[in-house]
N, C-alpha and C. Protein backbone atom coordinates (compact mmCIF):
# COMPACT_ATOMS: atom_id res chain seq x y z
N MET A 1 11.44 21.17 -0.30
CA MET A 1 11.66 21.67 -1.64
C MET A 1 11.70 23.19 -1.58
N SER A 2 12.63 23.77 -2.29
CA SER A 2 12.79 25.22 -2.23
C SER A 2 12.06 25.89 -3.38
N LEU A 3 11.71 27.12 -3.13
CA LEU A 3 11.03 27.95 -4.12
C LEU A 3 12.03 28.58 -5.06
N PRO A 4 11.60 28.92 -6.27
CA PRO A 4 12.46 29.72 -7.13
C PRO A 4 12.77 31.05 -6.45
N PRO A 5 13.93 31.63 -6.71
CA PRO A 5 14.29 32.92 -6.10
C PRO A 5 13.23 33.98 -6.37
N GLY A 6 13.00 34.79 -5.34
CA GLY A 6 12.06 35.90 -5.46
C GLY A 6 10.62 35.55 -5.13
N LEU A 7 10.34 34.26 -4.81
CA LEU A 7 8.99 33.86 -4.44
C LEU A 7 8.91 33.63 -2.94
N ILE A 8 7.72 33.85 -2.41
CA ILE A 8 7.45 33.55 -1.00
C ILE A 8 6.19 32.70 -0.93
N ILE A 9 6.05 31.96 0.16
CA ILE A 9 4.80 31.24 0.43
C ILE A 9 4.20 31.87 1.67
N ARG A 10 2.91 32.13 1.60
CA ARG A 10 2.20 32.70 2.74
C ARG A 10 0.81 32.10 2.82
N ALA A 11 0.17 32.28 3.96
CA ALA A 11 -1.20 31.81 4.14
C ALA A 11 -2.15 32.70 3.35
N GLY A 12 -3.14 32.07 2.74
CA GLY A 12 -4.15 32.83 2.02
C GLY A 12 -5.24 33.31 2.96
N THR A 13 -5.88 34.39 2.59
CA THR A 13 -6.98 34.96 3.37
C THR A 13 -8.17 35.19 2.43
N PRO A 14 -9.36 35.41 2.98
CA PRO A 14 -10.50 35.71 2.11
C PRO A 14 -10.25 36.89 1.17
N GLY A 15 -9.43 37.84 1.58
CA GLY A 15 -9.10 38.97 0.72
C GLY A 15 -8.31 38.60 -0.52
N ASP A 16 -7.78 37.38 -0.56
CA ASP A 16 -7.01 36.89 -1.71
C ASP A 16 -7.88 36.17 -2.74
N ALA A 17 -9.18 36.05 -2.48
CA ALA A 17 -10.05 35.22 -3.32
C ALA A 17 -9.96 35.56 -4.80
N ALA A 18 -9.93 36.84 -5.16
CA ALA A 18 -9.88 37.21 -6.59
C ALA A 18 -8.58 36.73 -7.23
N PHE A 19 -7.47 36.81 -6.50
CA PHE A 19 -6.18 36.37 -7.03
C PHE A 19 -6.13 34.85 -7.14
N ILE A 20 -6.73 34.16 -6.17
CA ILE A 20 -6.79 32.69 -6.20
C ILE A 20 -7.63 32.25 -7.40
N GLN A 21 -8.79 32.88 -7.58
CA GLN A 21 -9.64 32.53 -8.71
C GLN A 21 -8.90 32.74 -10.04
N GLN A 22 -8.20 33.83 -10.16
CA GLN A 22 -7.50 34.14 -11.40
C GLN A 22 -6.45 33.08 -11.73
N VAL A 23 -5.60 32.72 -10.76
CA VAL A 23 -4.57 31.72 -11.05
C VAL A 23 -5.20 30.35 -11.25
N HIS A 24 -6.29 30.06 -10.57
CA HIS A 24 -7.01 28.80 -10.73
C HIS A 24 -7.48 28.66 -12.19
N GLU A 25 -8.16 29.68 -12.68
CA GLU A 25 -8.66 29.65 -14.06
C GLU A 25 -7.52 29.60 -15.07
N GLU A 26 -6.47 30.41 -14.86
CA GLU A 26 -5.34 30.43 -15.80
C GLU A 26 -4.62 29.09 -15.82
N SER A 27 -4.50 28.44 -14.68
CA SER A 27 -3.86 27.13 -14.61
C SER A 27 -4.68 26.09 -15.36
N ILE A 28 -5.97 26.05 -15.11
CA ILE A 28 -6.84 25.07 -15.78
C ILE A 28 -6.79 25.27 -17.29
N ARG A 29 -6.94 26.52 -17.73
CA ARG A 29 -6.98 26.79 -19.17
C ARG A 29 -5.61 26.65 -19.83
N GLY A 30 -4.56 26.93 -19.08
CA GLY A 30 -3.21 26.86 -19.66
C GLY A 30 -2.60 25.48 -19.64
N LEU A 31 -2.89 24.69 -18.60
CA LEU A 31 -2.27 23.37 -18.46
C LEU A 31 -3.24 22.22 -18.74
N GLY A 32 -4.52 22.46 -18.57
CA GLY A 32 -5.53 21.41 -18.76
C GLY A 32 -5.54 20.77 -20.14
N PRO A 33 -5.30 21.54 -21.23
CA PRO A 33 -5.33 20.94 -22.56
C PRO A 33 -4.26 19.86 -22.80
N ARG A 34 -3.33 19.70 -21.88
CA ARG A 34 -2.36 18.62 -22.02
C ARG A 34 -3.04 17.25 -21.97
N CYS A 35 -4.17 17.16 -21.25
CA CYS A 35 -4.84 15.87 -21.07
C CYS A 35 -6.34 15.88 -21.35
N TYR A 36 -6.92 17.06 -21.49
CA TYR A 36 -8.37 17.15 -21.65
C TYR A 36 -8.71 17.99 -22.89
N SER A 37 -9.90 17.75 -23.44
CA SER A 37 -10.35 18.52 -24.59
C SER A 37 -10.65 19.96 -24.15
N ARG A 38 -10.76 20.85 -25.12
CA ARG A 38 -11.08 22.25 -24.83
C ARG A 38 -12.44 22.34 -24.12
N ALA A 39 -13.40 21.56 -24.55
CA ALA A 39 -14.72 21.57 -23.91
C ALA A 39 -14.62 21.11 -22.45
N GLU A 40 -13.83 20.07 -22.19
CA GLU A 40 -13.66 19.59 -20.82
C GLU A 40 -12.96 20.64 -19.96
N VAL A 41 -11.96 21.30 -20.53
CA VAL A 41 -11.24 22.35 -19.79
C VAL A 41 -12.18 23.50 -19.44
N GLU A 42 -12.98 23.95 -20.39
CA GLU A 42 -13.89 25.06 -20.11
C GLU A 42 -14.95 24.65 -19.08
N SER A 43 -15.40 23.42 -19.14
CA SER A 43 -16.38 22.94 -18.16
C SER A 43 -15.76 22.89 -16.77
N TRP A 44 -14.51 22.48 -16.70
CA TRP A 44 -13.76 22.41 -15.44
C TRP A 44 -13.54 23.82 -14.86
N ALA A 45 -13.20 24.78 -15.72
CA ALA A 45 -12.91 26.15 -15.26
C ALA A 45 -14.17 26.95 -14.95
N SER A 46 -15.30 26.54 -15.47
CA SER A 46 -16.51 27.34 -15.28
C SER A 46 -17.03 27.22 -13.85
N GLY A 47 -17.72 28.24 -13.44
CA GLY A 47 -18.38 28.20 -12.13
C GLY A 47 -17.51 28.54 -10.94
N LEU A 48 -16.25 28.89 -11.16
CA LEU A 48 -15.42 29.32 -10.03
C LEU A 48 -15.89 30.71 -9.59
N THR A 49 -16.07 30.90 -8.29
CA THR A 49 -16.54 32.19 -7.78
C THR A 49 -15.71 32.63 -6.59
N LEU A 50 -15.64 33.92 -6.41
CA LEU A 50 -14.94 34.46 -5.24
C LEU A 50 -15.56 33.92 -3.96
N GLY A 51 -16.88 33.87 -3.92
CA GLY A 51 -17.58 33.37 -2.74
C GLY A 51 -17.22 31.94 -2.41
N GLY A 52 -16.92 31.13 -3.41
CA GLY A 52 -16.54 29.74 -3.17
C GLY A 52 -15.25 29.63 -2.37
N TYR A 53 -14.27 30.48 -2.67
CA TYR A 53 -13.00 30.44 -1.93
C TYR A 53 -13.19 30.98 -0.51
N VAL A 54 -13.97 32.04 -0.39
CA VAL A 54 -14.23 32.63 0.92
C VAL A 54 -14.97 31.63 1.81
N ARG A 55 -15.98 30.97 1.25
CA ARG A 55 -16.74 29.96 1.99
C ARG A 55 -15.82 28.80 2.39
N ALA A 56 -14.97 28.37 1.48
CA ALA A 56 -14.05 27.27 1.79
C ALA A 56 -13.17 27.63 2.98
N MET A 57 -12.70 28.88 3.03
CA MET A 57 -11.83 29.31 4.13
C MET A 57 -12.60 29.51 5.43
N ASN A 58 -13.75 30.19 5.33
CA ASN A 58 -14.47 30.59 6.54
C ASN A 58 -15.39 29.52 7.11
N GLN A 59 -15.95 28.67 6.26
CA GLN A 59 -16.94 27.70 6.74
C GLN A 59 -16.48 26.25 6.62
N ASP A 60 -15.68 25.94 5.63
CA ASP A 60 -15.32 24.55 5.38
C ASP A 60 -13.99 24.14 5.99
N GLY A 61 -13.28 25.07 6.60
CA GLY A 61 -12.01 24.74 7.24
C GLY A 61 -10.87 24.49 6.27
N GLU A 62 -11.03 24.92 5.03
CA GLU A 62 -9.98 24.75 4.03
C GLU A 62 -8.91 25.81 4.25
N ARG A 63 -7.65 25.38 4.24
CA ARG A 63 -6.53 26.30 4.39
C ARG A 63 -5.85 26.48 3.03
N PHE A 64 -5.41 27.68 2.76
CA PHE A 64 -4.78 28.00 1.49
C PHE A 64 -3.36 28.48 1.73
N LEU A 65 -2.44 27.97 0.93
CA LEU A 65 -1.07 28.47 0.87
C LEU A 65 -0.89 29.10 -0.50
N LEU A 66 -0.31 30.29 -0.52
CA LEU A 66 -0.12 31.03 -1.77
C LEU A 66 1.37 31.21 -2.04
N ALA A 67 1.77 31.01 -3.27
CA ALA A 67 3.13 31.32 -3.71
C ALA A 67 3.03 32.56 -4.59
N GLU A 68 3.82 33.57 -4.23
CA GLU A 68 3.76 34.80 -5.01
C GLU A 68 5.13 35.46 -5.06
N PRO A 69 5.38 36.18 -6.15
CA PRO A 69 6.62 36.97 -6.20
C PRO A 69 6.60 38.02 -5.10
N GLU A 70 7.76 38.29 -4.54
CA GLU A 70 7.83 39.25 -3.42
C GLU A 70 7.27 40.61 -3.79
N THR A 71 7.33 40.96 -5.05
CA THR A 71 6.81 42.26 -5.52
C THR A 71 5.61 42.04 -6.44
N ALA A 72 4.74 41.12 -6.08
CA ALA A 72 3.66 40.66 -6.97
C ALA A 72 2.55 41.65 -7.18
N GLY A 73 2.16 42.35 -6.15
CA GLY A 73 0.99 43.20 -6.28
C GLY A 73 -0.26 42.39 -6.59
N GLY A 74 -0.36 41.19 -6.02
CA GLY A 74 -1.54 40.36 -6.20
C GLY A 74 -1.41 39.26 -7.22
N ARG A 75 -0.34 39.23 -8.01
CA ARG A 75 -0.16 38.15 -8.99
C ARG A 75 0.38 36.93 -8.26
N LEU A 76 -0.31 35.81 -8.39
CA LEU A 76 0.14 34.58 -7.73
C LEU A 76 0.85 33.67 -8.72
N ALA A 77 1.84 32.94 -8.20
CA ALA A 77 2.51 31.90 -8.99
C ALA A 77 1.74 30.59 -8.85
N GLY A 78 1.03 30.43 -7.74
CA GLY A 78 0.26 29.21 -7.53
C GLY A 78 -0.36 29.19 -6.16
N PHE A 79 -1.19 28.16 -5.91
CA PHE A 79 -1.78 27.98 -4.59
C PHE A 79 -2.02 26.51 -4.33
N CYS A 80 -2.09 26.17 -3.06
CA CYS A 80 -2.47 24.83 -2.62
C CYS A 80 -3.48 24.99 -1.51
N SER A 81 -4.58 24.25 -1.59
CA SER A 81 -5.57 24.28 -0.51
C SER A 81 -5.73 22.87 0.03
N PHE A 82 -6.01 22.78 1.32
CA PHE A 82 -6.12 21.48 1.98
C PHE A 82 -7.02 21.60 3.19
N ALA A 83 -7.58 20.45 3.58
CA ALA A 83 -8.43 20.38 4.77
C ALA A 83 -8.33 18.95 5.30
N GLY A 84 -8.20 18.83 6.62
CA GLY A 84 -8.08 17.51 7.22
C GLY A 84 -6.89 16.78 6.64
N ASP A 85 -7.14 15.60 6.08
CA ASP A 85 -6.06 14.79 5.51
C ASP A 85 -6.08 14.79 3.98
N ARG A 86 -6.66 15.85 3.37
CA ARG A 86 -6.77 15.88 1.91
C ARG A 86 -6.23 17.17 1.32
N ILE A 87 -5.52 17.01 0.22
CA ILE A 87 -5.17 18.14 -0.63
C ILE A 87 -6.42 18.39 -1.47
N ILE A 88 -6.94 19.59 -1.42
CA ILE A 88 -8.16 19.92 -2.17
C ILE A 88 -7.79 20.42 -3.57
N GLY A 89 -6.81 21.29 -3.64
CA GLY A 89 -6.40 21.84 -4.94
C GLY A 89 -4.95 22.27 -4.92
N LEU A 90 -4.28 22.09 -6.03
CA LEU A 90 -2.90 22.54 -6.20
C LEU A 90 -2.79 23.02 -7.64
N TYR A 91 -2.66 24.32 -7.81
CA TYR A 91 -2.66 24.91 -9.14
C TYR A 91 -1.51 25.89 -9.27
N THR A 92 -0.85 25.85 -10.41
CA THR A 92 0.28 26.73 -10.70
C THR A 92 -0.03 27.52 -11.96
N HIS A 93 0.31 28.80 -11.95
CA HIS A 93 0.17 29.59 -13.16
C HIS A 93 1.06 28.97 -14.23
N PRO A 94 0.60 28.89 -15.49
CA PRO A 94 1.40 28.25 -16.53
C PRO A 94 2.82 28.82 -16.66
N HIS A 95 2.99 30.11 -16.40
CA HIS A 95 4.33 30.71 -16.47
C HIS A 95 5.29 30.09 -15.45
N TRP A 96 4.76 29.61 -14.32
CA TRP A 96 5.57 29.06 -13.25
C TRP A 96 5.61 27.53 -13.24
N ALA A 97 4.89 26.89 -14.15
CA ALA A 97 4.84 25.42 -14.19
C ALA A 97 6.23 24.84 -14.44
N GLY A 98 6.55 23.78 -13.73
CA GLY A 98 7.83 23.10 -13.91
C GLY A 98 9.02 23.79 -13.27
N ARG A 99 8.77 24.78 -12.42
CA ARG A 99 9.87 25.55 -11.82
C ARG A 99 9.96 25.37 -10.31
N GLY A 100 9.26 24.38 -9.76
CA GLY A 100 9.37 24.08 -8.34
C GLY A 100 8.31 24.68 -7.46
N VAL A 101 7.42 25.47 -8.02
CA VAL A 101 6.39 26.13 -7.22
C VAL A 101 5.43 25.10 -6.63
N ALA A 102 4.90 24.22 -7.46
CA ALA A 102 3.94 23.22 -6.98
C ALA A 102 4.58 22.29 -5.96
N GLY A 103 5.81 21.88 -6.19
CA GLY A 103 6.51 21.01 -5.24
C GLY A 103 6.69 21.66 -3.89
N ALA A 104 7.04 22.94 -3.90
CA ALA A 104 7.23 23.66 -2.63
C ALA A 104 5.90 23.83 -1.90
N LEU A 105 4.84 24.16 -2.63
CA LEU A 105 3.52 24.29 -2.01
C LEU A 105 3.05 22.95 -1.45
N LEU A 106 3.24 21.87 -2.20
CA LEU A 106 2.82 20.55 -1.75
C LEU A 106 3.59 20.16 -0.49
N ALA A 107 4.90 20.40 -0.46
CA ALA A 107 5.70 20.05 0.72
C ALA A 107 5.21 20.80 1.95
N ARG A 108 4.88 22.08 1.80
CA ARG A 108 4.38 22.86 2.94
C ARG A 108 3.03 22.35 3.41
N ALA A 109 2.15 22.01 2.47
CA ALA A 109 0.83 21.48 2.84
C ALA A 109 0.98 20.12 3.52
N GLU A 110 1.83 19.26 2.99
CA GLU A 110 2.05 17.95 3.61
C GLU A 110 2.59 18.11 5.04
N ALA A 111 3.49 19.06 5.23
CA ALA A 111 4.04 19.30 6.57
C ALA A 111 2.93 19.73 7.53
N ALA A 112 2.05 20.59 7.08
CA ALA A 112 0.95 21.05 7.93
C ALA A 112 -0.02 19.91 8.24
N ILE A 113 -0.33 19.10 7.25
CA ILE A 113 -1.27 17.99 7.44
C ILE A 113 -0.68 16.95 8.40
N THR A 114 0.58 16.60 8.20
CA THR A 114 1.19 15.60 9.09
C THR A 114 1.41 16.17 10.49
N ALA A 115 1.65 17.47 10.61
CA ALA A 115 1.78 18.09 11.93
C ALA A 115 0.46 18.01 12.69
N ASP A 116 -0.65 17.94 11.96
CA ASP A 116 -1.97 17.77 12.59
C ASP A 116 -2.24 16.32 12.97
N GLY A 117 -1.27 15.43 12.73
CA GLY A 117 -1.40 14.04 13.16
C GLY A 117 -1.84 13.05 12.10
N HIS A 118 -1.98 13.48 10.86
CA HIS A 118 -2.41 12.56 9.80
C HIS A 118 -1.20 11.83 9.21
N GLU A 119 -1.36 10.54 9.00
CA GLU A 119 -0.30 9.73 8.41
C GLU A 119 -0.54 9.44 6.94
N LEU A 120 -1.74 9.69 6.47
CA LEU A 120 -2.12 9.39 5.11
C LEU A 120 -2.74 10.64 4.51
N ILE A 121 -2.28 11.03 3.33
CA ILE A 121 -2.83 12.20 2.65
C ILE A 121 -3.43 11.73 1.34
N GLY A 122 -4.66 12.16 1.07
CA GLY A 122 -5.35 11.80 -0.16
C GLY A 122 -5.56 13.00 -1.05
N ILE A 123 -5.74 12.72 -2.32
CA ILE A 123 -6.05 13.76 -3.29
C ILE A 123 -6.83 13.14 -4.44
N THR A 124 -7.75 13.91 -4.98
CA THR A 124 -8.38 13.57 -6.26
C THR A 124 -7.63 14.38 -7.30
N ALA A 125 -6.79 13.71 -8.07
CA ALA A 125 -5.91 14.38 -9.03
C ALA A 125 -6.47 14.31 -10.44
N THR A 126 -6.22 15.36 -11.20
CA THR A 126 -6.54 15.32 -12.61
C THR A 126 -5.44 14.54 -13.33
N LEU A 127 -5.70 14.18 -14.57
CA LEU A 127 -4.68 13.48 -15.36
C LEU A 127 -3.46 14.37 -15.58
N VAL A 128 -3.66 15.68 -15.59
CA VAL A 128 -2.56 16.62 -15.76
C VAL A 128 -1.54 16.46 -14.63
N GLY A 129 -2.01 16.20 -13.42
CA GLY A 129 -1.13 16.12 -12.26
C GLY A 129 -0.56 14.75 -11.96
N ARG A 130 -0.94 13.73 -12.71
CA ARG A 130 -0.53 12.36 -12.39
C ARG A 130 0.98 12.20 -12.21
N ALA A 131 1.76 12.57 -13.20
CA ALA A 131 3.22 12.38 -13.12
C ALA A 131 3.81 13.18 -11.96
N PHE A 132 3.31 14.38 -11.73
CA PHE A 132 3.79 15.21 -10.63
C PHE A 132 3.58 14.50 -9.29
N TYR A 133 2.36 14.03 -9.05
CA TYR A 133 2.07 13.38 -7.77
C TYR A 133 2.83 12.07 -7.61
N GLU A 134 2.95 11.31 -8.68
CA GLU A 134 3.73 10.07 -8.60
C GLU A 134 5.19 10.38 -8.26
N LYS A 135 5.74 11.43 -8.85
CA LYS A 135 7.12 11.85 -8.55
C LYS A 135 7.27 12.22 -7.08
N HIS A 136 6.20 12.71 -6.47
CA HIS A 136 6.23 13.12 -5.06
C HIS A 136 5.72 12.04 -4.11
N GLY A 137 5.67 10.80 -4.58
CA GLY A 137 5.38 9.67 -3.70
C GLY A 137 3.94 9.25 -3.56
N TYR A 138 3.04 9.82 -4.35
CA TYR A 138 1.64 9.42 -4.29
C TYR A 138 1.42 8.21 -5.18
N ARG A 139 0.50 7.35 -4.76
CA ARG A 139 0.17 6.18 -5.57
C ARG A 139 -1.30 6.22 -5.94
N ILE A 140 -1.59 5.67 -7.09
CA ILE A 140 -2.97 5.65 -7.60
C ILE A 140 -3.75 4.55 -6.90
N LEU A 141 -4.89 4.92 -6.36
CA LEU A 141 -5.81 3.94 -5.78
C LEU A 141 -6.81 3.47 -6.82
N GLN A 142 -7.34 4.44 -7.59
CA GLN A 142 -8.31 4.10 -8.63
C GLN A 142 -8.50 5.28 -9.57
N ALA A 143 -8.88 4.96 -10.79
CA ALA A 143 -9.31 5.97 -11.75
C ALA A 143 -10.83 5.99 -11.69
N ARG A 144 -11.40 7.18 -11.83
CA ARG A 144 -12.85 7.29 -11.82
C ARG A 144 -13.28 8.51 -12.62
N ASP A 145 -14.56 8.64 -12.84
CA ASP A 145 -15.11 9.80 -13.52
C ASP A 145 -15.56 10.82 -12.49
N SER A 146 -15.44 12.09 -12.86
CA SER A 146 -15.88 13.18 -11.98
C SER A 146 -16.61 14.22 -12.82
N ARG A 147 -17.71 14.72 -12.29
CA ARG A 147 -18.47 15.75 -12.99
C ARG A 147 -17.86 17.11 -12.67
N THR A 148 -17.54 17.87 -13.70
CA THR A 148 -16.98 19.21 -13.52
C THR A 148 -18.07 20.19 -13.12
N ARG A 149 -17.67 21.38 -12.70
CA ARG A 149 -18.65 22.42 -12.35
C ARG A 149 -19.56 22.74 -13.53
N GLY A 150 -19.03 22.61 -14.75
CA GLY A 150 -19.82 22.90 -15.94
C GLY A 150 -20.67 21.73 -16.41
N GLY A 151 -20.57 20.58 -15.74
CA GLY A 151 -21.44 19.46 -16.04
C GLY A 151 -20.85 18.33 -16.86
N LEU A 152 -19.70 18.54 -17.50
CA LEU A 152 -19.09 17.45 -18.26
C LEU A 152 -18.39 16.48 -17.31
N VAL A 153 -18.25 15.25 -17.75
CA VAL A 153 -17.57 14.23 -16.94
C VAL A 153 -16.16 14.05 -17.48
N VAL A 154 -15.17 14.07 -16.56
CA VAL A 154 -13.77 13.88 -16.93
C VAL A 154 -13.16 12.79 -16.06
N ALA A 155 -12.08 12.20 -16.56
CA ALA A 155 -11.36 11.18 -15.80
C ALA A 155 -10.47 11.84 -14.76
N VAL A 156 -10.48 11.29 -13.55
CA VAL A 156 -9.60 11.75 -12.46
C VAL A 156 -9.01 10.52 -11.76
N LEU A 157 -8.07 10.77 -10.87
CA LEU A 157 -7.40 9.69 -10.15
C LEU A 157 -7.49 9.93 -8.65
N GLU A 158 -7.90 8.91 -7.92
CA GLU A 158 -7.82 8.97 -6.46
C GLU A 158 -6.41 8.49 -6.11
N MET A 159 -5.67 9.31 -5.36
CA MET A 159 -4.28 9.00 -5.03
C MET A 159 -4.07 9.21 -3.54
N GLU A 160 -3.02 8.57 -3.01
CA GLU A 160 -2.69 8.76 -1.60
C GLU A 160 -1.19 8.61 -1.39
N LYS A 161 -0.75 9.15 -0.27
CA LYS A 161 0.65 9.04 0.15
C LYS A 161 0.66 8.80 1.65
N ARG A 162 1.42 7.80 2.06
CA ARG A 162 1.54 7.46 3.48
C ARG A 162 2.82 8.08 4.04
N PHE A 163 2.71 8.60 5.24
CA PHE A 163 3.84 9.19 5.94
C PHE A 163 4.12 8.34 7.18
N PRO A 164 5.38 8.15 7.51
CA PRO A 164 5.69 7.34 8.69
C PRO A 164 5.19 8.01 9.96
N ARG A 165 4.71 7.18 10.86
CA ARG A 165 4.25 7.68 12.16
C ARG A 165 5.49 8.12 12.94
N THR A 166 5.38 9.27 13.53
CA THR A 166 6.47 9.73 14.39
C THR A 166 6.06 9.45 15.83
N PRO A 167 6.89 8.73 16.56
CA PRO A 167 6.51 8.38 17.93
C PRO A 167 6.37 9.61 18.80
N SER A 168 5.40 9.56 19.69
CA SER A 168 5.18 10.68 20.60
C SER A 168 5.92 10.44 21.92
N PHE A 169 6.72 9.41 21.96
CA PHE A 169 7.50 9.10 23.15
C PHE A 169 8.93 8.82 22.70
N PRO A 170 9.89 8.95 23.60
CA PRO A 170 11.27 8.68 23.20
C PRO A 170 11.44 7.21 22.84
N LEU A 171 12.28 6.96 21.86
CA LEU A 171 12.53 5.59 21.44
C LEU A 171 13.22 4.77 22.54
N ALA A 172 14.07 5.40 23.31
CA ALA A 172 14.76 4.72 24.42
C ALA A 172 14.31 5.41 25.69
N PRO A 173 13.29 4.89 26.39
CA PRO A 173 12.76 5.59 27.54
C PRO A 173 13.74 5.69 28.70
N PHE A 174 14.75 4.84 28.70
CA PHE A 174 15.76 4.89 29.76
C PHE A 174 17.12 5.08 29.10
N PRO A 175 18.00 5.80 29.74
CA PRO A 175 19.32 5.97 29.14
C PRO A 175 20.00 4.63 28.96
N LEU A 176 20.68 4.48 27.86
CA LEU A 176 21.42 3.26 27.60
C LEU A 176 22.73 3.29 28.36
N ALA A 177 23.08 2.19 28.92
CA ALA A 177 24.34 2.11 29.66
C ALA A 177 25.50 2.11 28.67
N PRO A 178 26.57 2.81 29.00
CA PRO A 178 27.73 2.82 28.11
C PRO A 178 28.35 1.41 28.04
N ARG A 179 28.95 1.09 26.94
CA ARG A 179 29.57 -0.23 26.77
C ARG A 179 31.01 -0.19 27.12
């Protein structure tokens, strides 16, 4: 999936934590009310800290991909974080929602995860992301409740997508004889 013109995707670093936090909060507050009450949205957005992103990168093995305008000066269009075989977070600034940013970030994260040898990718998705993930081939395993950072309980979806195994050996180990 391609990005809108003028955007780039790059790896996130601990120095990007403030920009990641900002787009994370703006995404939750701007898009969350589509499926959640204002109280649930505020509970979900509360408790995000710069240290949390730095710890995720430095200690938890979480990788971040950032989408930003080429002349952004720190303004992000969105981010995707992942570790092992799971998408941890995928958030788009409301201004960039529906313009291909999330799809491009997801495709890059999926490529990295499958390149690491995983055939199945899981995500705990909010109700806001359901249609997006279904459009990108994810299926719902179960609906469940999740406690937000602020303490309220909201409905979320456990979802997964299977990728075909790519053989590590040639399909025809011997040359085929011409007919």
